[in-house]
Structure formats: C-alpha cells, structure tokens
Amino acid sequence: MNASFIQKAKNLKLLLTDVDGVMTDSKLCWYTDGEGRHIEVKNFESLDGMGMIFLRACGVRTGIVSRGSAPILQYWSKLLGMDILYYSSMDKAAALQDACKRYGITAEQTAFIGDDIIDLGVLQQAGMKLAVANAVDEVKQLADYVSPKRGGYGAVRDICEQILKARGQWEDLVKQVADGTFQDTRRELCIVKGISKK
C-alpha cells in the first residue's frame, strides 16, 4: 500500500463498480420460465456484498455502473444499501460525471472497479482506478491497485478492505462488528437507466 493509494483512499467519497467479471465470475446464465421468458441469473459473492456495506458504513457512497439490465441488479443494489445504480449504460464515464454532479464531489474523490476495455473511459476519469485479477491488461496497466482475487471470488471485498485499512477505519469496524455495535444504515437507491453524454 503506497502513499498515493493511502491519500486517494482518504479522499474517497464514492466507489462505483462494474458487475460482470467484477462482482461476478463473468459467466452469463439464463433459464426459461414457464411463460417462455428468459431470466438472467447472476452469482454474487457474499463477502463482496459485506465489503460494500462496510465501505458505506464508513462514509463512502457506493454504486454500480453496468451495461446490463437484469432485474437482479436492482435487488442486489438495494440489498447492499447502495446509493446509485446505473444500468443499460454503455458510457460509464458519463455515469461517473452524473454521480459527481448529484453528490457535489469531484472525479478525484471517486473510485471505479473494472475488468474490461468498456471500463477504460471511466477508469481514466476516476481518482482511484481499481481492477480485479482477471482484468484485461489495458485495465491493469491503469490501476492504482489490482486485487489478487478474481471477480466473483472476493475481489471487491479485498478492495474494500484495502481502502478501509488505508483510511485507518478497518480495525474500528472489526471491533464494532465483533461487539455487536455495528450499525448498517440503509439509503434509498437512485436508479438511472441508459445514461450517456449529452
């Protein structure tokens, strides 16, 4: 953990993340229900979810930016008490710009976790650039930190822990969880569909 990472972590106000390949193992699965509808299924890692809850509890807003549109994204985002969900969003940099305006923050106060070249635009703008072990080389080359874990296998949790340790909040958080004083305050989820540059 270098000095630059620590400083960026201390300044962090918002962490946004991709989903497929970051919060999941990137495999896309569907089943067909009794009415012939194709329903997408995503496998999320519970440790990742707790990492995002811990980050939010320590004062960092959280959200998802995804090209996908599965209803499960709304359920997962609400379950984790996230602030914002951007879905059907090809232009992820536009989503980051919109979030900065909504929350009155600068791009330097944001972080993004990505894995593929669709994430390059938003990573270039985010103050803290983060990647998972299975990310493509172009993403890893930009990253301030590359988790040793793969997407869907605890990478997001690892990243959240590294951020909270850099902010000096991890030990207090562990103590609160252990002694039962941890408070999980939820926020209302803001949902934005198909954002793009005007």
N, C-alpha and C. Protein backbone atom coordinates (compact mmCIF):
# COMPACT_ATOMS: atom_id res chain seq x y z
N MET A 1 0.86 -1.19 0.00
CA MET A 1 0.00 0.00 0.00
C MET A 1 0.90 1.24 0.00
N ASN A 2 0.96 1.94 -1.14
CA ASN A 2 1.85 3.09 -1.24
C ASN A 2 1.16 4.38 -0.79
N ALA A 3 1.95 5.44 -0.69
CA ALA A 3 1.44 6.72 -0.18
C ALA A 3 0.34 7.29 -1.06
N SER A 4 0.45 7.11 -2.36
CA SER A 4 -0.56 7.61 -3.29
C SER A 4 -1.89 6.92 -3.07
N PHE A 5 -1.87 5.60 -2.90
CA PHE A 5 -3.10 4.85 -2.64
C PHE A 5 -3.74 5.29 -1.33
N ILE A 6 -2.92 5.47 -0.31
CA ILE A 6 -3.44 5.89 1.00
C ILE A 6 -4.12 7.25 0.90
N GLN A 7 -3.49 8.19 0.21
CA GLN A 7 -4.06 9.53 0.06
C GLN A 7 -5.38 9.48 -0.70
N LYS A 8 -5.40 8.71 -1.79
CA LYS A 8 -6.64 8.60 -2.58
C LYS A 8 -7.75 7.95 -1.76
N ALA A 9 -7.40 6.95 -0.97
CA ALA A 9 -8.39 6.30 -0.12
C ALA A 9 -8.96 7.27 0.91
N LYS A 10 -8.12 8.08 1.49
CA LYS A 10 -8.57 9.05 2.50
C LYS A 10 -9.48 10.11 1.89
N ASN A 11 -9.29 10.43 0.61
CA ASN A 11 -10.11 11.44 -0.06
C ASN A 11 -11.38 10.86 -0.66
N LEU A 12 -11.54 9.54 -0.63
CA LEU A 12 -12.62 8.88 -1.35
C LEU A 12 -14.00 9.19 -0.78
N LYS A 13 -14.92 9.57 -1.69
CA LYS A 13 -16.31 9.85 -1.32
C LYS A 13 -17.29 8.90 -1.98
N LEU A 14 -16.89 8.29 -3.11
CA LEU A 14 -17.80 7.43 -3.88
C LEU A 14 -17.02 6.33 -4.57
N LEU A 15 -17.47 5.08 -4.39
CA LEU A 15 -16.91 3.96 -5.14
C LEU A 15 -18.00 3.37 -6.03
N LEU A 16 -17.71 3.33 -7.33
CA LEU A 16 -18.59 2.71 -8.30
C LEU A 16 -17.90 1.44 -8.83
N THR A 17 -18.70 0.47 -9.23
CA THR A 17 -18.13 -0.76 -9.73
C THR A 17 -18.93 -1.32 -10.90
N ASP A 18 -18.22 -2.00 -11.77
CA ASP A 18 -18.83 -2.83 -12.81
C ASP A 18 -19.41 -4.06 -12.11
N VAL A 19 -20.17 -4.87 -12.83
CA VAL A 19 -20.75 -6.08 -12.24
C VAL A 19 -20.12 -7.34 -12.84
N ASP A 20 -20.42 -7.63 -14.11
CA ASP A 20 -19.96 -8.88 -14.71
C ASP A 20 -18.43 -8.91 -14.80
N GLY A 21 -17.84 -9.92 -14.18
CA GLY A 21 -16.38 -10.05 -14.16
C GLY A 21 -15.73 -9.35 -12.99
N VAL A 22 -16.52 -8.57 -12.23
CA VAL A 22 -16.01 -7.87 -11.05
C VAL A 22 -16.76 -8.35 -9.80
N MET A 23 -18.08 -8.20 -9.80
CA MET A 23 -18.89 -8.73 -8.70
C MET A 23 -19.36 -10.15 -8.98
N THR A 24 -19.15 -10.61 -10.22
CA THR A 24 -19.46 -12.00 -10.58
C THR A 24 -18.24 -12.58 -11.29
N ASP A 25 -18.32 -13.88 -11.59
CA ASP A 25 -17.19 -14.53 -12.29
C ASP A 25 -17.24 -14.31 -13.80
N SER A 26 -18.14 -13.49 -14.26
CA SER A 26 -18.34 -13.07 -15.66
C SER A 26 -19.14 -14.06 -16.49
N LYS A 27 -19.48 -15.22 -15.95
CA LYS A 27 -20.33 -16.15 -16.69
C LYS A 27 -21.76 -15.62 -16.72
N LEU A 28 -22.39 -15.70 -17.88
CA LEU A 28 -23.77 -15.24 -18.04
C LEU A 28 -24.67 -16.46 -18.14
N CYS A 29 -25.66 -16.54 -17.26
CA CYS A 29 -26.55 -17.70 -17.20
C CYS A 29 -28.00 -17.26 -17.31
N TRP A 30 -28.79 -18.03 -18.07
CA TRP A 30 -30.21 -17.77 -18.19
C TRP A 30 -31.00 -19.05 -17.97
N TYR A 31 -32.25 -18.88 -17.56
CA TYR A 31 -33.19 -20.00 -17.59
C TYR A 31 -34.48 -19.49 -18.20
N THR A 32 -35.29 -20.40 -18.71
CA THR A 32 -36.56 -20.05 -19.33
C THR A 32 -37.68 -20.44 -18.37
N ASP A 33 -38.50 -19.46 -18.00
CA ASP A 33 -39.58 -19.76 -17.06
C ASP A 33 -40.78 -20.40 -17.77
N GLY A 34 -41.83 -20.68 -17.02
CA GLY A 34 -43.00 -21.35 -17.56
C GLY A 34 -43.74 -20.58 -18.63
N GLU A 35 -43.50 -19.29 -18.73
CA GLU A 35 -44.16 -18.46 -19.74
C GLU A 35 -43.24 -18.16 -20.92
N GLY A 36 -42.09 -18.84 -20.96
CA GLY A 36 -41.17 -18.67 -22.09
C GLY A 36 -40.27 -17.46 -21.99
N ARG A 37 -40.24 -16.80 -20.83
CA ARG A 37 -39.36 -15.64 -20.65
C ARG A 37 -37.97 -16.13 -20.25
N HIS A 38 -36.96 -15.46 -20.80
CA HIS A 38 -35.57 -15.79 -20.47
C HIS A 38 -35.12 -14.91 -19.30
N ILE A 39 -34.77 -15.54 -18.19
CA ILE A 39 -34.41 -14.84 -16.96
C ILE A 39 -32.92 -15.00 -16.71
N GLU A 40 -32.23 -13.87 -16.55
CA GLU A 40 -30.79 -13.92 -16.29
C GLU A 40 -30.52 -14.18 -14.80
N VAL A 41 -29.56 -15.02 -14.54
CA VAL A 41 -29.16 -15.36 -13.18
C VAL A 41 -27.72 -14.92 -12.97
N LYS A 42 -27.44 -14.25 -11.84
CA LYS A 42 -26.08 -13.85 -11.52
C LYS A 42 -25.69 -14.43 -10.16
N ASN A 43 -24.46 -14.91 -10.06
CA ASN A 43 -23.94 -15.43 -8.79
C ASN A 43 -23.06 -14.37 -8.15
N PHE A 44 -23.48 -13.83 -7.01
CA PHE A 44 -22.71 -12.83 -6.29
C PHE A 44 -22.01 -13.47 -5.11
N GLU A 45 -20.87 -12.92 -4.75
CA GLU A 45 -20.09 -13.37 -3.59
C GLU A 45 -20.54 -12.58 -2.37
N SER A 46 -20.96 -13.28 -1.32
CA SER A 46 -21.47 -12.60 -0.13
C SER A 46 -20.40 -11.73 0.54
N LEU A 47 -19.14 -12.15 0.49
CA LEU A 47 -18.07 -11.33 1.07
C LEU A 47 -17.96 -9.98 0.38
N ASP A 48 -18.16 -9.97 -0.95
CA ASP A 48 -18.15 -8.70 -1.69
C ASP A 48 -19.26 -7.78 -1.18
N GLY A 49 -20.44 -8.37 -0.99
CA GLY A 49 -21.57 -7.58 -0.51
C GLY A 49 -21.29 -6.95 0.84
N MET A 50 -20.71 -7.72 1.76
CA MET A 50 -20.39 -7.17 3.07
C MET A 50 -19.31 -6.10 2.96
N GLY A 51 -18.37 -6.29 2.06
CA GLY A 51 -17.33 -5.26 1.86
C GLY A 51 -17.94 -3.93 1.46
N MET A 52 -18.92 -3.97 0.56
CA MET A 52 -19.58 -2.74 0.13
C MET A 52 -20.42 -2.13 1.27
N ILE A 53 -21.04 -2.98 2.07
CA ILE A 53 -21.80 -2.48 3.23
C ILE A 53 -20.86 -1.81 4.22
N PHE A 54 -19.71 -2.44 4.47
CA PHE A 54 -18.73 -1.85 5.39
C PHE A 54 -18.22 -0.51 4.88
N LEU A 55 -17.94 -0.45 3.59
CA LEU A 55 -17.43 0.79 2.99
C LEU A 55 -18.45 1.91 3.16
N ARG A 56 -19.71 1.61 2.86
CA ARG A 56 -20.77 2.61 3.01
C ARG A 56 -20.92 3.05 4.45
N ALA A 57 -20.84 2.10 5.38
CA ALA A 57 -20.97 2.43 6.80
C ALA A 57 -19.84 3.33 7.29
N CYS A 58 -18.72 3.30 6.58
CA CYS A 58 -17.56 4.14 6.95
C CYS A 58 -17.52 5.45 6.16
N GLY A 59 -18.64 5.80 5.52
CA GLY A 59 -18.76 7.12 4.93
C GLY A 59 -18.49 7.24 3.45
N VAL A 60 -18.36 6.12 2.74
CA VAL A 60 -18.12 6.16 1.29
C VAL A 60 -19.40 5.71 0.57
N ARG A 61 -19.93 6.56 -0.29
CA ARG A 61 -21.09 6.18 -1.09
C ARG A 61 -20.70 5.05 -2.05
N THR A 62 -21.69 4.21 -2.41
CA THR A 62 -21.41 3.09 -3.30
C THR A 62 -22.44 3.01 -4.41
N GLY A 63 -22.04 2.39 -5.52
CA GLY A 63 -22.97 2.22 -6.63
C GLY A 63 -22.43 1.30 -7.70
N ILE A 64 -23.30 0.96 -8.62
CA ILE A 64 -23.00 0.07 -9.74
C ILE A 64 -23.18 0.84 -11.04
N VAL A 65 -22.29 0.56 -12.00
CA VAL A 65 -22.46 1.05 -13.37
C VAL A 65 -22.32 -0.17 -14.28
N SER A 66 -23.41 -0.53 -14.96
CA SER A 66 -23.41 -1.75 -15.76
C SER A 66 -24.05 -1.53 -17.13
N ARG A 67 -23.48 -2.19 -18.12
CA ARG A 67 -24.10 -2.21 -19.45
C ARG A 67 -25.35 -3.08 -19.42
N GLY A 68 -25.41 -4.01 -18.48
CA GLY A 68 -26.53 -4.94 -18.39
C GLY A 68 -27.78 -4.30 -17.79
N SER A 69 -28.86 -5.10 -17.79
CA SER A 69 -30.13 -4.56 -17.31
C SER A 69 -30.96 -5.58 -16.53
N ALA A 70 -30.34 -6.63 -16.04
CA ALA A 70 -31.09 -7.66 -15.32
C ALA A 70 -31.75 -7.09 -14.08
N PRO A 71 -33.03 -7.47 -13.81
CA PRO A 71 -33.71 -7.00 -12.60
C PRO A 71 -32.93 -7.33 -11.32
N ILE A 72 -32.12 -8.38 -11.36
CA ILE A 72 -31.36 -8.75 -10.17
C ILE A 72 -30.39 -7.64 -9.75
N LEU A 73 -29.98 -6.79 -10.68
CA LEU A 73 -29.09 -5.68 -10.32
C LEU A 73 -29.77 -4.74 -9.32
N GLN A 74 -31.07 -4.48 -9.54
CA GLN A 74 -31.79 -3.61 -8.62
C GLN A 74 -31.91 -4.27 -7.25
N TYR A 75 -32.21 -5.56 -7.24
CA TYR A 75 -32.35 -6.27 -5.97
C TYR A 75 -31.02 -6.26 -5.20
N TRP A 76 -29.91 -6.57 -5.88
CA TRP A 76 -28.59 -6.62 -5.24
C TRP A 76 -28.19 -5.25 -4.71
N SER A 77 -28.42 -4.22 -5.51
CA SER A 77 -28.08 -2.86 -5.10
C SER A 77 -28.86 -2.43 -3.87
N LYS A 78 -30.15 -2.74 -3.85
CA LYS A 78 -30.99 -2.41 -2.69
C LYS A 78 -30.58 -3.21 -1.47
N LEU A 79 -30.28 -4.49 -1.66
CA LEU A 79 -29.88 -5.35 -0.56
C LEU A 79 -28.63 -4.81 0.14
N LEU A 80 -27.72 -4.23 -0.64
CA LEU A 80 -26.47 -3.70 -0.09
C LEU A 80 -26.60 -2.24 0.36
N GLY A 81 -27.77 -1.66 0.21
CA GLY A 81 -27.96 -0.27 0.63
C GLY A 81 -27.16 0.71 -0.20
N MET A 82 -26.94 0.39 -1.47
CA MET A 82 -26.16 1.27 -2.34
C MET A 82 -26.89 2.58 -2.59
N ASP A 83 -26.12 3.58 -3.00
CA ASP A 83 -26.70 4.88 -3.29
C ASP A 83 -27.28 4.97 -4.69
N ILE A 84 -26.59 4.35 -5.66
CA ILE A 84 -26.99 4.57 -7.05
C ILE A 84 -26.69 3.35 -7.91
N LEU A 85 -27.59 3.12 -8.88
CA LEU A 85 -27.43 2.07 -9.88
C LEU A 85 -27.62 2.68 -11.26
N TYR A 86 -26.60 2.58 -12.08
CA TYR A 86 -26.70 2.94 -13.49
C TYR A 86 -26.75 1.63 -14.27
N TYR A 87 -27.83 1.41 -15.04
CA TYR A 87 -27.88 0.19 -15.85
C TYR A 87 -28.20 0.54 -17.30
N SER A 88 -27.95 -0.43 -18.19
CA SER A 88 -28.03 -0.20 -19.64
C SER A 88 -27.17 1.00 -20.02
N SER A 89 -25.99 1.08 -19.41
CA SER A 89 -25.11 2.25 -19.58
C SER A 89 -23.82 1.85 -20.29
N MET A 90 -23.75 2.12 -21.59
CA MET A 90 -22.53 1.85 -22.35
C MET A 90 -21.45 2.88 -22.02
N ASP A 91 -21.87 4.13 -21.77
CA ASP A 91 -20.92 5.21 -21.49
C ASP A 91 -20.77 5.36 -19.97
N LYS A 92 -19.85 4.58 -19.42
CA LYS A 92 -19.69 4.57 -17.97
C LYS A 92 -19.06 5.86 -17.44
N ALA A 93 -18.27 6.53 -18.27
CA ALA A 93 -17.69 7.81 -17.85
C ALA A 93 -18.79 8.85 -17.64
N ALA A 94 -19.84 8.80 -18.46
CA ALA A 94 -20.97 9.72 -18.29
C ALA A 94 -21.68 9.45 -16.96
N ALA A 95 -21.73 8.20 -16.56
CA ALA A 95 -22.34 7.85 -15.28
C ALA A 95 -21.53 8.44 -14.13
N LEU A 96 -20.22 8.34 -14.20
CA LEU A 96 -19.37 8.91 -13.15
C LEU A 96 -19.55 10.42 -13.07
N GLN A 97 -19.61 11.08 -14.23
CA GLN A 97 -19.81 12.54 -14.25
C GLN A 97 -21.16 12.91 -13.63
N ASP A 98 -22.18 12.13 -13.93
CA ASP A 98 -23.50 12.38 -13.38
C ASP A 98 -23.49 12.21 -11.86
N ALA A 99 -22.82 11.16 -11.38
CA ALA A 99 -22.75 10.92 -9.93
C ALA A 99 -22.03 12.07 -9.23
N CYS A 100 -20.97 12.57 -9.83
CA CYS A 100 -20.24 13.70 -9.23
C CYS A 100 -21.15 14.91 -9.08
N LYS A 101 -21.96 15.18 -10.09
CA LYS A 101 -22.89 16.32 -10.01
C LYS A 101 -23.95 16.08 -8.94
N ARG A 102 -24.49 14.87 -8.89
CA ARG A 102 -25.53 14.55 -7.92
C ARG A 102 -25.05 14.73 -6.48
N TYR A 103 -23.81 14.32 -6.23
CA TYR A 103 -23.32 14.29 -4.85
C TYR A 103 -22.36 15.44 -4.52
N GLY A 104 -22.15 16.34 -5.47
CA GLY A 104 -21.31 17.50 -5.21
C GLY A 104 -19.86 17.16 -4.91
N ILE A 105 -19.33 16.21 -5.65
CA ILE A 105 -17.95 15.78 -5.46
C ILE A 105 -17.18 15.90 -6.77
N THR A 106 -15.87 15.75 -6.68
CA THR A 106 -15.04 15.79 -7.88
C THR A 106 -14.67 14.37 -8.31
N ALA A 107 -14.24 14.24 -9.55
CA ALA A 107 -13.81 12.93 -10.05
C ALA A 107 -12.65 12.39 -9.23
N GLU A 108 -11.82 13.27 -8.70
CA GLU A 108 -10.67 12.84 -7.88
C GLU A 108 -11.12 12.17 -6.59
N GLN A 109 -12.37 12.40 -6.18
CA GLN A 109 -12.89 11.80 -4.95
C GLN A 109 -13.66 10.51 -5.21
N THR A 110 -13.53 9.97 -6.43
CA THR A 110 -14.23 8.76 -6.80
C THR A 110 -13.26 7.61 -7.07
N ALA A 111 -13.82 6.40 -7.06
CA ALA A 111 -13.06 5.20 -7.44
C ALA A 111 -13.96 4.36 -8.33
N PHE A 112 -13.32 3.57 -9.19
CA PHE A 112 -14.07 2.64 -10.03
C PHE A 112 -13.33 1.32 -10.10
N ILE A 113 -14.09 0.22 -10.01
CA ILE A 113 -13.52 -1.12 -10.15
C ILE A 113 -13.95 -1.68 -11.50
N GLY A 114 -12.98 -2.04 -12.33
CA GLY A 114 -13.30 -2.56 -13.65
C GLY A 114 -12.49 -3.79 -14.02
N ASP A 115 -12.86 -4.34 -15.18
CA ASP A 115 -12.15 -5.54 -15.65
C ASP A 115 -11.95 -5.60 -17.16
N ASP A 116 -12.70 -4.81 -17.94
CA ASP A 116 -12.62 -4.94 -19.39
C ASP A 116 -12.48 -3.56 -20.05
N ILE A 117 -12.24 -3.56 -21.36
CA ILE A 117 -11.96 -2.29 -22.04
C ILE A 117 -13.15 -1.35 -22.04
N ILE A 118 -14.37 -1.85 -21.83
CA ILE A 118 -15.52 -0.97 -21.70
C ILE A 118 -15.39 -0.06 -20.48
N ASP A 119 -14.52 -0.43 -19.56
CA ASP A 119 -14.30 0.35 -18.33
C ASP A 119 -13.18 1.37 -18.44
N LEU A 120 -12.46 1.40 -19.55
CA LEU A 120 -11.29 2.27 -19.66
C LEU A 120 -11.65 3.75 -19.55
N GLY A 121 -12.74 4.17 -20.18
CA GLY A 121 -13.12 5.58 -20.15
C GLY A 121 -13.39 6.08 -18.74
N VAL A 122 -14.15 5.31 -17.97
CA VAL A 122 -14.47 5.72 -16.60
C VAL A 122 -13.24 5.60 -15.71
N LEU A 123 -12.41 4.60 -15.94
CA LEU A 123 -11.19 4.46 -15.13
C LEU A 123 -10.25 5.64 -15.35
N GLN A 124 -10.18 6.13 -16.57
CA GLN A 124 -9.31 7.27 -16.84
C GLN A 124 -9.75 8.51 -16.08
N GLN A 125 -11.05 8.62 -15.79
CA GLN A 125 -11.56 9.80 -15.09
C GLN A 125 -11.57 9.64 -13.57
N ALA A 126 -11.73 8.42 -13.09
CA ALA A 126 -11.84 8.19 -11.64
C ALA A 126 -10.54 8.52 -10.93
N GLY A 127 -10.66 9.07 -9.73
CA GLY A 127 -9.46 9.40 -8.96
C GLY A 127 -8.69 8.17 -8.54
N MET A 128 -9.41 7.10 -8.18
CA MET A 128 -8.79 5.84 -7.79
C MET A 128 -9.22 4.76 -8.78
N LYS A 129 -8.25 4.18 -9.46
CA LYS A 129 -8.51 3.20 -10.51
C LYS A 129 -8.21 1.81 -9.95
N LEU A 130 -9.21 0.93 -9.97
CA LEU A 130 -9.09 -0.37 -9.32
C LEU A 130 -9.45 -1.49 -10.30
N ALA A 131 -8.79 -2.63 -10.13
CA ALA A 131 -9.01 -3.76 -11.04
C ALA A 131 -9.00 -5.07 -10.28
N VAL A 132 -9.58 -6.08 -10.91
CA VAL A 132 -9.60 -7.43 -10.36
C VAL A 132 -8.54 -8.26 -11.08
N ALA A 133 -8.20 -9.41 -10.50
CA ALA A 133 -7.11 -10.23 -11.03
C ALA A 133 -7.36 -10.69 -12.46
N ASN A 134 -8.62 -10.88 -12.83
CA ASN A 134 -8.96 -11.36 -14.17
C ASN A 134 -9.17 -10.23 -15.17
N ALA A 135 -8.84 -9.01 -14.80
CA ALA A 135 -8.99 -7.87 -15.71
C ALA A 135 -8.04 -8.01 -16.90
N VAL A 136 -8.43 -7.39 -18.03
CA VAL A 136 -7.56 -7.38 -19.20
C VAL A 136 -6.35 -6.48 -18.92
N ASP A 137 -5.29 -6.68 -19.68
CA ASP A 137 -4.04 -5.95 -19.44
C ASP A 137 -4.21 -4.44 -19.48
N GLU A 138 -5.04 -3.94 -20.41
CA GLU A 138 -5.23 -2.50 -20.54
C GLU A 138 -5.80 -1.88 -19.26
N VAL A 139 -6.66 -2.61 -18.57
CA VAL A 139 -7.23 -2.14 -17.31
C VAL A 139 -6.20 -2.22 -16.20
N LYS A 140 -5.48 -3.33 -16.13
CA LYS A 140 -4.46 -3.49 -15.09
C LYS A 140 -3.39 -2.42 -15.18
N GLN A 141 -3.03 -2.02 -16.40
CA GLN A 141 -1.98 -1.01 -16.58
C GLN A 141 -2.39 0.34 -16.02
N LEU A 142 -3.69 0.63 -16.00
CA LEU A 142 -4.19 1.91 -15.47
C LEU A 142 -4.35 1.89 -13.95
N ALA A 143 -4.47 0.70 -13.38
CA ALA A 143 -4.93 0.57 -12.00
C ALA A 143 -3.93 1.04 -10.95
N ASP A 144 -4.47 1.71 -9.93
CA ASP A 144 -3.69 2.04 -8.72
C ASP A 144 -3.51 0.79 -7.86
N TYR A 145 -4.47 -0.12 -7.98
CA TYR A 145 -4.41 -1.37 -7.22
C TYR A 145 -5.13 -2.46 -8.00
N VAL A 146 -4.48 -3.61 -8.13
CA VAL A 146 -5.08 -4.79 -8.75
C VAL A 146 -5.23 -5.84 -7.66
N SER A 147 -6.47 -6.23 -7.38
CA SER A 147 -6.69 -7.25 -6.36
C SER A 147 -6.07 -8.58 -6.81
N PRO A 148 -5.50 -9.33 -5.89
CA PRO A 148 -5.00 -10.66 -6.25
C PRO A 148 -6.14 -11.66 -6.44
N LYS A 149 -7.36 -11.25 -6.15
CA LYS A 149 -8.52 -12.13 -6.28
C LYS A 149 -9.29 -11.84 -7.57
N ARG A 150 -9.93 -12.86 -8.09
CA ARG A 150 -10.72 -12.74 -9.31
C ARG A 150 -12.11 -12.20 -9.01
N GLY A 151 -12.71 -11.60 -10.02
CA GLY A 151 -14.09 -11.14 -9.90
C GLY A 151 -15.01 -12.28 -9.56
N GLY A 152 -15.91 -12.06 -8.60
CA GLY A 152 -16.82 -13.09 -8.15
C GLY A 152 -16.25 -14.00 -7.09
N TYR A 153 -14.98 -13.78 -6.74
CA TYR A 153 -14.31 -14.62 -5.74
C TYR A 153 -13.63 -13.77 -4.66
N GLY A 154 -14.29 -12.69 -4.27
CA GLY A 154 -13.80 -11.88 -3.17
C GLY A 154 -12.95 -10.68 -3.55
N ALA A 155 -12.86 -10.36 -4.84
CA ALA A 155 -12.04 -9.22 -5.26
C ALA A 155 -12.57 -7.90 -4.72
N VAL A 156 -13.88 -7.71 -4.78
CA VAL A 156 -14.47 -6.46 -4.30
C VAL A 156 -14.27 -6.34 -2.79
N ARG A 157 -14.42 -7.43 -2.06
CA ARG A 157 -14.19 -7.40 -0.61
C ARG A 157 -12.74 -7.01 -0.32
N ASP A 158 -11.81 -7.62 -1.04
CA ASP A 158 -10.40 -7.29 -0.86
C ASP A 158 -10.15 -5.81 -1.08
N ILE A 159 -10.72 -5.27 -2.15
CA ILE A 159 -10.53 -3.85 -2.47
C ILE A 159 -11.13 -2.97 -1.36
N CYS A 160 -12.33 -3.31 -0.90
CA CYS A 160 -12.95 -2.53 0.18
C CYS A 160 -12.09 -2.56 1.44
N GLU A 161 -11.56 -3.73 1.77
CA GLU A 161 -10.70 -3.84 2.95
C GLU A 161 -9.45 -2.98 2.80
N GLN A 162 -8.83 -3.03 1.63
CA GLN A 162 -7.61 -2.25 1.41
C GLN A 162 -7.89 -0.75 1.57
N ILE A 163 -9.03 -0.32 1.05
CA ILE A 163 -9.41 1.10 1.17
C ILE A 163 -9.62 1.47 2.64
N LEU A 164 -10.36 0.64 3.36
CA LEU A 164 -10.65 0.95 4.76
C LEU A 164 -9.41 0.88 5.64
N LYS A 165 -8.49 -0.02 5.33
CA LYS A 165 -7.22 -0.06 6.05
C LYS A 165 -6.41 1.20 5.77
N ALA A 166 -6.40 1.64 4.53
CA ALA A 166 -5.67 2.86 4.17
C ALA A 166 -6.28 4.09 4.84
N ARG A 167 -7.59 4.08 5.06
CA ARG A 167 -8.28 5.19 5.71
C ARG A 167 -8.17 5.12 7.24
N GLY A 168 -7.61 4.02 7.75
CA GLY A 168 -7.48 3.85 9.19
C GLY A 168 -8.78 3.48 9.87
N GLN A 169 -9.72 2.89 9.13
CA GLN A 169 -11.04 2.58 9.68
C GLN A 169 -11.28 1.08 9.90
N TRP A 170 -10.41 0.25 9.39
CA TRP A 170 -10.67 -1.19 9.40
C TRP A 170 -10.73 -1.77 10.82
N GLU A 171 -9.76 -1.43 11.65
CA GLU A 171 -9.72 -2.03 13.00
C GLU A 171 -10.94 -1.66 13.83
N ASP A 172 -11.37 -0.40 13.75
CA ASP A 172 -12.58 0.01 14.49
C ASP A 172 -13.81 -0.71 13.96
N LEU A 173 -13.88 -0.89 12.65
CA LEU A 173 -15.00 -1.59 12.04
C LEU A 173 -15.07 -3.03 12.53
N VAL A 174 -13.93 -3.71 12.53
CA VAL A 174 -13.89 -5.10 13.00
C VAL A 174 -14.35 -5.18 14.45
N LYS A 175 -13.92 -4.23 15.27
CA LYS A 175 -14.32 -4.20 16.68
C LYS A 175 -15.83 -4.02 16.81
N GLN A 176 -16.40 -3.10 16.02
CA GLN A 176 -17.84 -2.85 16.07
C GLN A 176 -18.64 -4.09 15.67
N VAL A 177 -18.18 -4.77 14.62
CA VAL A 177 -18.87 -5.98 14.18
C VAL A 177 -18.77 -7.05 15.26
N ALA A 178 -17.59 -7.20 15.84
CA ALA A 178 -17.36 -8.24 16.86
C ALA A 178 -18.18 -8.00 18.13
N ASP A 179 -18.30 -6.73 18.55
CA ASP A 179 -19.03 -6.47 19.81
C ASP A 179 -20.51 -6.14 19.61
N GLY A 180 -20.96 -6.20 18.36
CA GLY A 180 -22.39 -6.01 18.08
C GLY A 180 -22.86 -4.59 18.00
N THR A 181 -21.94 -3.62 17.95
CA THR A 181 -22.35 -2.21 17.87
C THR A 181 -22.37 -1.68 16.43
N PHE A 182 -22.02 -2.50 15.45
CA PHE A 182 -22.02 -2.06 14.05
C PHE A 182 -23.42 -1.68 13.61
N GLN A 183 -23.56 -0.53 12.99
CA GLN A 183 -24.83 -0.03 12.50
C GLN A 183 -24.85 -0.04 10.98
N ASP A 184 -25.81 -0.73 10.39
CA ASP A 184 -25.96 -0.81 8.93
C ASP A 184 -27.12 0.08 8.51
N THR A 185 -26.84 1.36 8.31
CA THR A 185 -27.89 2.30 7.92
C THR A 185 -28.05 2.27 6.40
N ARG A 186 -29.29 2.07 5.95
CA ARG A 186 -29.57 1.96 4.52
C ARG A 186 -29.94 3.31 3.93
N ARG A 187 -29.65 3.46 2.63
CA ARG A 187 -30.06 4.65 1.90
C ARG A 187 -31.05 4.24 0.81
N GLU A 188 -31.82 5.19 0.34
CA GLU A 188 -32.73 4.92 -0.77
C GLU A 188 -31.93 4.84 -2.06
N LEU A 189 -32.16 3.81 -2.84
CA LEU A 189 -31.43 3.59 -4.09
C LEU A 189 -31.95 4.49 -5.19
N CYS A 190 -31.04 5.22 -5.83
CA CYS A 190 -31.36 6.01 -7.03
C CYS A 190 -31.04 5.14 -8.24
N ILE A 191 -31.99 5.00 -9.17
CA ILE A 191 -31.82 4.15 -10.34
C ILE A 191 -31.83 5.02 -11.60
N VAL A 192 -30.79 4.87 -12.42
CA VAL A 192 -30.65 5.67 -13.64
C VAL A 192 -30.45 4.71 -14.81
N LYS A 193 -31.28 4.82 -15.83
CA LYS A 193 -31.19 3.93 -16.99
C LYS A 193 -30.58 4.63 -18.19
N GLY A 194 -29.65 3.94 -18.84
CA GLY A 194 -29.15 4.34 -20.15
C GLY A 194 -28.55 5.73 -20.24
N ILE A 195 -27.75 6.10 -19.26
CA ILE A 195 -27.16 7.45 -19.29
C ILE A 195 -26.08 7.53 -20.37
N SER A 196 -25.97 8.70 -20.98
CA SER A 196 -24.92 8.94 -21.97
C SER A 196 -24.62 10.43 -22.01
N LYS A 197 -23.49 10.79 -22.64
CA LYS A 197 -23.15 12.20 -22.77
C LYS A 197 -24.19 12.91 -23.62
N LYS A 198 -24.51 14.14 -23.21
CA LYS A 198 -25.50 14.94 -23.95
C LYS A 198 -24.86 15.47 -25.22
